[in-house]
């Protein structure tokens, strides 16, 4: 057998009656890492790191719901065509999450919650952007364990072995396939590193780092999507997800330009009207400033001579 990447022999383990699925573990691991990265970056921007967890919980819940909804809508024939079982649309553990539905659902839920907490959205979004890419990279390991969403046949040394149960009969036994999960994993990690590097070297306006996340991820997703051979809707010779991702990439570029013109801050500013999580720090700073001003005023009074003191007889 020539060089190849073997697929896992199983993607589910059982702890008694409880199934432990690699797909779910990959998603959970990605979420945890994203929280860790986001909390540190948001703290460095002057924000309350605990807000990342509070907001992230809502974003994760609605992100997963949005991702599943996007998948069911775009692949409705898997669940609602003749002979299909609609109940399977609820079986998220079998795979099937549309990333753009997840991004949209999570972003909307997160923005609504941040507005509720009276916290600026842009610094928060810029803080979590690299972590989202890392989470998406880790999440792709779930596709690897599920032996799904692989690319077309290849003779490259890193071709992926797929069990016959997961391959269309049209492909001969022993056919190797592009490991698209690995391509996207590497791309996402590289893009996350690039975002962090650029964020340290360049002065961005609020929201621009998140806009770059959209662009970076979309560009990588386009060429990975064009390698895939799983069933999809075709429009003018291209998969639906290719058109969707291209449109989102363009929207990311437009957003980057508009945000640059707005020139809002990408950090949490401790000032009047700042986010509630900084209220204590602002009060303490104002108290210290007021005390300093009083002391300076007292020193000035002590230093000034009394009126007409030098002209007294």
Protein backbone atom coordinates (compact mmCIF):
# COMPACT_ATOMS: atom_id res chain seq x y z
CA UNK A 1 0.00 0.00 0.00
CA UNK A 2 1.41 3.39 -1.00
CA UNK A 3 1.81 6.26 1.44
CA UNK A 4 -1.49 7.60 2.70
CA UNK A 5 -3.24 9.11 5.70
CA UNK A 6 -5.31 6.41 7.39
CA UNK A 7 -8.78 7.22 8.63
CA UNK A 8 -9.71 6.44 12.25
CA UNK A 9 -11.20 3.02 12.76
CA UNK A 10 -14.05 4.52 14.77
CA UNK A 11 -15.49 7.86 15.73
CA UNK A 12 -17.72 6.78 18.61
CA UNK A 13 -16.87 5.23 21.97
CA UNK A 14 -19.30 4.10 24.63
CA UNK A 15 -19.15 4.72 28.35
CA UNK A 16 -21.80 2.21 29.28
CA UNK A 17 -24.96 3.37 27.49
CA UNK A 18 -23.54 6.84 26.79
CA UNK A 19 -21.97 7.39 23.34
CA UNK A 20 -18.91 9.63 23.25
CA UNK A 21 -18.50 11.02 19.74
CA UNK A 22 -15.26 12.41 18.37
CA UNK A 23 -17.27 14.96 16.38
CA UNK A 24 -18.71 16.46 19.56
CA UNK A 25 -15.37 16.31 21.39
CA UNK A 26 -13.67 18.21 18.56
CA UNK A 27 -16.29 20.95 18.69
CA UNK A 28 -16.09 21.23 22.47
CA UNK A 29 -12.29 21.34 22.42
CA UNK A 30 -12.39 24.10 19.83
CA UNK A 31 -14.82 26.11 21.92
CA UNK A 32 -12.64 25.81 25.03
CA UNK A 33 -9.52 26.96 23.17
CA UNK A 34 -11.43 29.85 21.61
CA UNK A 35 -12.55 30.98 25.07
CA UNK A 36 -9.00 30.88 26.39
CA UNK A 37 -7.60 32.90 23.50
CA UNK A 38 -10.52 35.34 23.51
CA UNK A 39 -10.33 36.02 27.25
CA UNK A 40 -6.65 36.84 27.10
CA UNK A 41 -6.96 39.10 24.07
CA UNK A 42 -10.01 40.91 25.44
CA UNK A 43 -8.26 41.49 28.76
CA UNK A 44 -5.27 42.95 26.89
CA UNK A 45 -7.70 45.36 25.21
CA UNK A 46 -8.94 46.58 28.59
CA UNK A 47 -12.09 44.47 28.76
CA UNK A 48 -13.47 42.21 31.45
CA UNK A 49 -12.39 38.64 30.53
CA UNK A 50 -15.44 37.20 32.30
CA UNK A 51 -17.61 38.88 29.67
CA UNK A 52 -16.09 36.55 27.08
CA UNK A 53 -17.53 33.51 28.82
CA UNK A 54 -20.93 35.13 29.38
CA UNK A 55 -21.23 36.28 25.79
CA UNK A 56 -19.64 33.15 24.38
CA UNK A 57 -22.24 30.87 25.92
CA UNK A 58 -25.01 32.62 24.02
CA UNK A 59 -22.93 32.79 20.86
CA UNK A 60 -22.13 29.07 21.01
CA UNK A 61 -25.75 28.02 21.55
CA UNK A 62 -27.13 30.13 18.72
CA UNK A 63 -24.08 29.44 16.58
CA UNK A 64 -24.72 25.69 16.69
CA UNK A 65 -28.42 26.23 16.02
CA UNK A 66 -27.62 28.51 13.11
CA UNK A 67 -25.05 26.10 11.71
CA UNK A 68 -27.49 23.21 11.83
CA UNK A 69 -30.29 25.29 10.31
CA UNK A 70 -28.04 26.38 7.44
CA UNK A 71 -27.09 22.76 6.75
CA UNK A 72 -30.69 21.53 6.82
CA UNK A 73 -31.85 24.34 4.51
CA UNK A 74 -29.05 23.92 1.97
CA UNK A 75 -29.20 20.10 2.08
CA UNK A 76 -32.94 19.76 2.64
CA UNK A 77 -33.18 16.75 0.32
CA UNK A 78 -31.29 14.67 2.90
CA UNK A 79 -34.17 15.11 5.35
CA UNK A 80 -37.34 16.02 3.47
CA UNK A 81 -37.17 14.28 0.09
CA UNK A 82 -39.01 11.06 -0.69
CA UNK A 83 -37.73 8.23 1.49
CA UNK A 84 -35.83 10.56 3.85
CA UNK A 85 -36.51 10.79 7.57
CA UNK A 86 -37.23 14.36 8.76
CA UNK A 87 -36.37 13.38 12.33
CA UNK A 88 -32.76 12.98 11.20
CA UNK A 89 -32.56 16.77 10.86
CA UNK A 90 -32.33 16.89 14.66
CA UNK A 91 -29.48 14.37 14.89
CA UNK A 92 -26.66 16.87 14.98
CA UNK A 93 -24.28 14.26 16.39
CA UNK A 94 -24.22 12.56 12.99
CA UNK A 95 -22.52 15.60 11.48
CA UNK A 96 -23.86 18.39 9.35
CA UNK A 97 -23.08 21.97 10.40
CA UNK A 98 -23.00 24.86 7.95
CA UNK A 99 -20.20 27.15 9.06
CA UNK A 100 -21.71 30.37 7.75
CA UNK A 101 -24.95 29.70 9.58
CA UNK A 102 -22.88 29.21 12.71
CA UNK A 103 -20.95 32.45 12.23
CA UNK A 104 -24.17 34.39 11.57
CA UNK A 105 -26.06 32.88 14.50
CA UNK A 106 -23.18 33.34 16.91
CA UNK A 107 -22.41 36.88 15.78
CA UNK A 108 -26.01 38.05 16.08
CA UNK A 109 -26.50 36.46 19.50
CA UNK A 110 -23.18 37.82 20.75
CA UNK A 111 -23.88 41.33 19.49
CA UNK A 112 -27.34 41.39 21.08
CA UNK A 113 -25.95 40.25 24.42
CA UNK A 114 -23.11 42.78 24.33
CA UNK A 115 -25.59 45.56 23.61
CA UNK A 116 -27.61 44.34 26.57
CA UNK A 117 -24.48 44.61 28.73
CA UNK A 118 -23.72 48.04 27.21
CA UNK A 119 -20.33 46.83 25.97
CA UNK A 120 -18.78 47.82 22.65
CA UNK A 121 -19.10 45.10 20.02
CA UNK A 122 -16.05 45.94 17.88
CA UNK A 123 -13.29 45.42 20.51
CA UNK A 124 -14.94 42.18 21.58
CA UNK A 125 -15.19 40.88 18.00
CA UNK A 126 -11.57 41.79 17.30
CA UNK A 127 -10.48 39.96 20.44
CA UNK A 128 -12.19 36.67 19.63
CA UNK A 129 -11.49 36.52 15.88
CA UNK A 130 -8.24 34.48 16.00
CA UNK A 131 -9.74 32.11 18.55
CA UNK A 132 -12.67 31.38 16.25
CA UNK A 133 -10.26 30.32 13.51
CA UNK A 134 -8.45 28.00 15.91
CA UNK A 135 -11.79 26.54 17.02
CA UNK A 136 -12.77 25.93 13.41
CA UNK A 137 -9.45 24.21 12.79
CA UNK A 138 -9.93 21.86 15.73
CA UNK A 139 -13.54 21.24 14.75
CA UNK A 140 -12.43 19.85 11.38
CA UNK A 141 -11.02 16.84 13.20
CA UNK A 142 -14.64 15.81 13.68
CA UNK A 143 -14.97 15.43 9.89
CA UNK A 144 -11.84 13.31 9.92
CA UNK A 145 -13.27 10.90 12.48
CA UNK A 146 -16.61 10.82 10.67
CA UNK A 147 -14.86 10.15 7.34
CA UNK A 148 -16.90 12.86 5.64
CA UNK A 149 -16.47 15.96 3.49
CA UNK A 150 -13.27 14.67 1.86
CA UNK A 151 -12.05 15.83 -1.55
CA UNK A 152 -11.77 14.29 -4.96
CA UNK A 153 -9.37 11.40 -5.71
CA UNK A 154 -5.65 12.11 -5.62
CA UNK A 155 -2.32 10.33 -6.06
CA UNK A 156 -0.50 12.67 -3.70
CA UNK A 157 1.49 11.07 -0.86
CA UNK A 158 -0.88 12.56 1.70
CA UNK A 159 -4.00 11.08 0.13
CA UNK A 160 -6.67 10.07 2.63
CA UNK A 161 -7.89 6.50 3.01
CA UNK A 162 -11.66 6.22 3.36
CA UNK A 163 -13.54 3.08 4.35
CA UNK A 164 -15.76 1.58 1.67
CA UNK A 165 -18.87 2.32 3.73
CA UNK A 166 -18.25 6.05 3.32
CA UNK A 167 -17.33 6.07 -0.38
CA UNK A 168 -19.55 6.02 -3.45
CA UNK A 169 -19.41 2.68 -5.34
CA UNK A 170 -18.15 4.52 -8.42
CA UNK A 171 -14.68 4.72 -6.85
CA UNK A 172 -12.45 1.66 -6.97
CA UNK A 173 -11.27 0.09 -3.69
CA UNK A 174 -8.05 1.68 -2.47
CA UNK A 175 -8.79 5.09 -4.00
CA UNK A 176 -7.25 7.93 -2.02
CA UNK A 177 -8.88 11.32 -1.58
CA UNK A 178 -7.80 14.88 -0.81
CA UNK A 179 -7.84 15.35 3.00
CA UNK A 180 -9.82 18.58 2.89
CA UNK A 181 -10.22 18.52 6.65
CA UNK A 182 -6.42 18.80 6.93
CA UNK A 183 -6.17 21.54 4.32
CA UNK A 184 -8.72 23.66 6.13
CA UNK A 185 -7.19 22.90 9.52
CA UNK A 186 -3.77 24.13 8.36
CA UNK A 187 -5.24 27.15 6.60
CA UNK A 188 -7.22 28.21 9.67
CA UNK A 189 -4.26 27.93 12.02
CA UNK A 190 -2.09 29.92 9.60
CA UNK A 191 -4.81 32.57 9.25
CA UNK A 192 -5.16 32.81 13.05
CA UNK A 193 -1.41 33.33 13.38
CA UNK A 194 -1.50 35.98 10.66
CA UNK A 195 -4.33 37.84 12.39
CA UNK A 196 -2.43 37.92 15.67
CA UNK A 197 0.77 39.05 13.92
CA UNK A 198 -0.97 41.84 11.99
CA UNK A 199 -2.88 42.95 15.08
CA UNK A 200 0.42 43.49 16.87
CA UNK A 201 2.14 45.25 13.99
CA UNK A 202 -0.65 47.39 12.56
CA UNK A 203 -3.05 49.85 14.12
CA UNK A 204 -6.53 48.71 13.14
CA UNK A 205 -9.85 50.42 13.61
CA UNK A 206 -12.58 48.75 15.62
CA UNK A 207 -14.02 45.69 13.88
CA UNK A 208 -11.38 45.45 11.17
CA UNK A 209 -9.65 42.42 12.70
CA UNK A 210 -12.94 40.54 12.67
CA UNK A 211 -13.57 41.63 9.08
CA UNK A 212 -10.15 40.22 8.15
CA UNK A 213 -11.11 36.97 9.85
CA UNK A 214 -14.11 36.73 7.53
CA UNK A 215 -11.96 37.42 4.47
CA UNK A 216 -9.13 35.07 5.44
CA UNK A 217 -11.41 32.19 6.26
CA UNK A 218 -13.59 32.71 3.19
CA UNK A 219 -10.65 32.73 0.78
CA UNK A 220 -9.37 29.44 2.18
CA UNK A 221 -12.83 27.92 2.26
CA UNK A 222 -13.42 28.66 -1.44
CA UNK A 223 -10.55 26.54 -2.74
CA UNK A 224 -11.16 23.78 -0.18
CA UNK A 225 -14.85 23.71 -1.12
CA UNK A 226 -13.96 23.30 -4.80
CA UNK A 227 -12.07 20.09 -3.96
CA UNK A 228 -14.97 18.42 -2.19
CA UNK A 229 -17.10 15.76 -3.87
CA UNK A 230 -19.95 15.34 -1.38
CA UNK A 231 -23.40 16.02 -2.74
CA UNK A 232 -24.24 19.71 -3.12
CA UNK A 233 -26.41 22.08 -5.10
CA UNK A 234 -24.65 23.23 -8.27
CA UNK A 235 -25.25 26.72 -9.68
CA UNK A 236 -23.55 27.70 -12.94
CA UNK A 237 -21.07 24.87 -12.54
CA UNK A 238 -20.04 25.71 -8.96
CA UNK A 239 -21.19 24.43 -5.59
CA UNK A 240 -23.66 26.64 -3.73
CA UNK A 241 -21.20 27.06 -0.86
CA UNK A 242 -18.60 28.46 -3.26
CA UNK A 243 -20.97 31.22 -4.36
CA UNK A 244 -22.04 31.88 -0.78
CA UNK A 245 -18.47 32.05 0.49
CA UNK A 246 -17.35 34.31 -2.36
CA UNK A 247 -20.17 36.73 -1.56
CA UNK A 248 -19.24 36.70 2.13
CA UNK A 249 -15.58 37.33 1.29
CA UNK A 250 -16.59 40.41 -0.71
CA UNK A 251 -18.80 41.56 2.15
CA UNK A 252 -15.82 41.20 4.48
CA UNK A 253 -13.70 43.42 2.25
CA UNK A 254 -16.44 46.07 2.11
CA UNK A 255 -16.87 45.91 5.89
CA UNK A 256 -13.11 46.34 6.38
CA UNK A 257 -13.16 49.52 4.26
CA UNK A 258 -16.23 50.98 5.95
CA UNK A 259 -14.91 50.25 9.43
CA UNK A 260 -11.65 51.94 8.51
CA UNK A 261 -13.54 55.10 7.62
CA UNK A 262 -15.49 55.04 10.87
CA UNK A 263 -12.19 54.84 12.75
CA UNK A 264 -13.64 53.62 16.03
CA UNK A 265 -11.36 52.16 18.69
CA UNK A 266 -10.46 48.49 18.75
CA UNK A 267 -9.81 48.65 22.51
CA UNK A 268 -12.14 49.04 25.48
CA UNK A 269 -11.83 52.71 26.47
CA UNK A 270 -12.10 53.63 30.15
CA UNK A 271 -14.06 56.85 29.86
CA UNK A 272 -17.50 58.31 30.48
CA UNK A 273 -20.03 55.95 28.98
CA UNK A 274 -17.63 53.00 29.05
CA UNK A 275 -18.86 49.46 29.39
CA UNK A 276 -20.34 48.48 32.78
CA UNK A 277 -17.57 45.99 33.46
CA UNK A 278 -15.13 48.93 33.73
CA UNK A 279 -17.31 51.03 36.02
CA UNK A 280 -15.39 50.08 39.17
CA UNK A 281 -12.05 50.85 37.61
CA UNK A 282 -13.35 54.17 36.28
CA UNK A 283 -14.72 55.17 39.68
CA UNK A 284 -11.43 54.34 41.37
CA UNK A 285 -9.48 56.24 38.72
CA UNK A 286 -11.76 59.28 39.06
CA UNK A 287 -11.44 59.18 42.85
CA UNK A 288 -7.66 59.04 42.65
CA UNK A 289 -7.61 61.86 40.09
CA UNK A 290 -9.88 64.00 42.27
CA UNK A 291 -7.71 63.37 45.34
CA UNK A 292 -4.59 64.32 43.43
CA UNK A 293 -6.16 67.56 42.22
CA UNK A 294 -7.18 68.47 45.80
CA UNK A 295 -3.67 67.81 47.10
CA UNK A 296 -2.15 69.89 44.30
CA UNK A 297 -4.54 72.73 45.11
CA UNK A 298 -3.57 72.61 48.79
CA UNK A 299 0.13 72.69 47.92
CA UNK A 300 -0.46 75.70 45.72
CA UNK A 301 -2.25 77.57 48.50
CA UNK A 302 0.56 76.83 50.94
CA UNK A 303 3.19 78.04 48.51
CA UNK A 304 1.54 81.40 47.73
CA UNK A 305 2.42 84.30 50.07
CA UNK A 306 -0.35 86.15 51.87
CA UNK A 307 -1.68 89.22 50.06
CA UNK A 308 0.50 92.32 50.65
CA UNK A 309 2.62 90.31 53.05
CA UNK A 310 5.86 91.99 51.88
CA UNK A 311 4.36 95.53 52.21
CA UNK A 312 3.28 95.29 55.81
CA UNK A 313 4.89 98.02 58.14
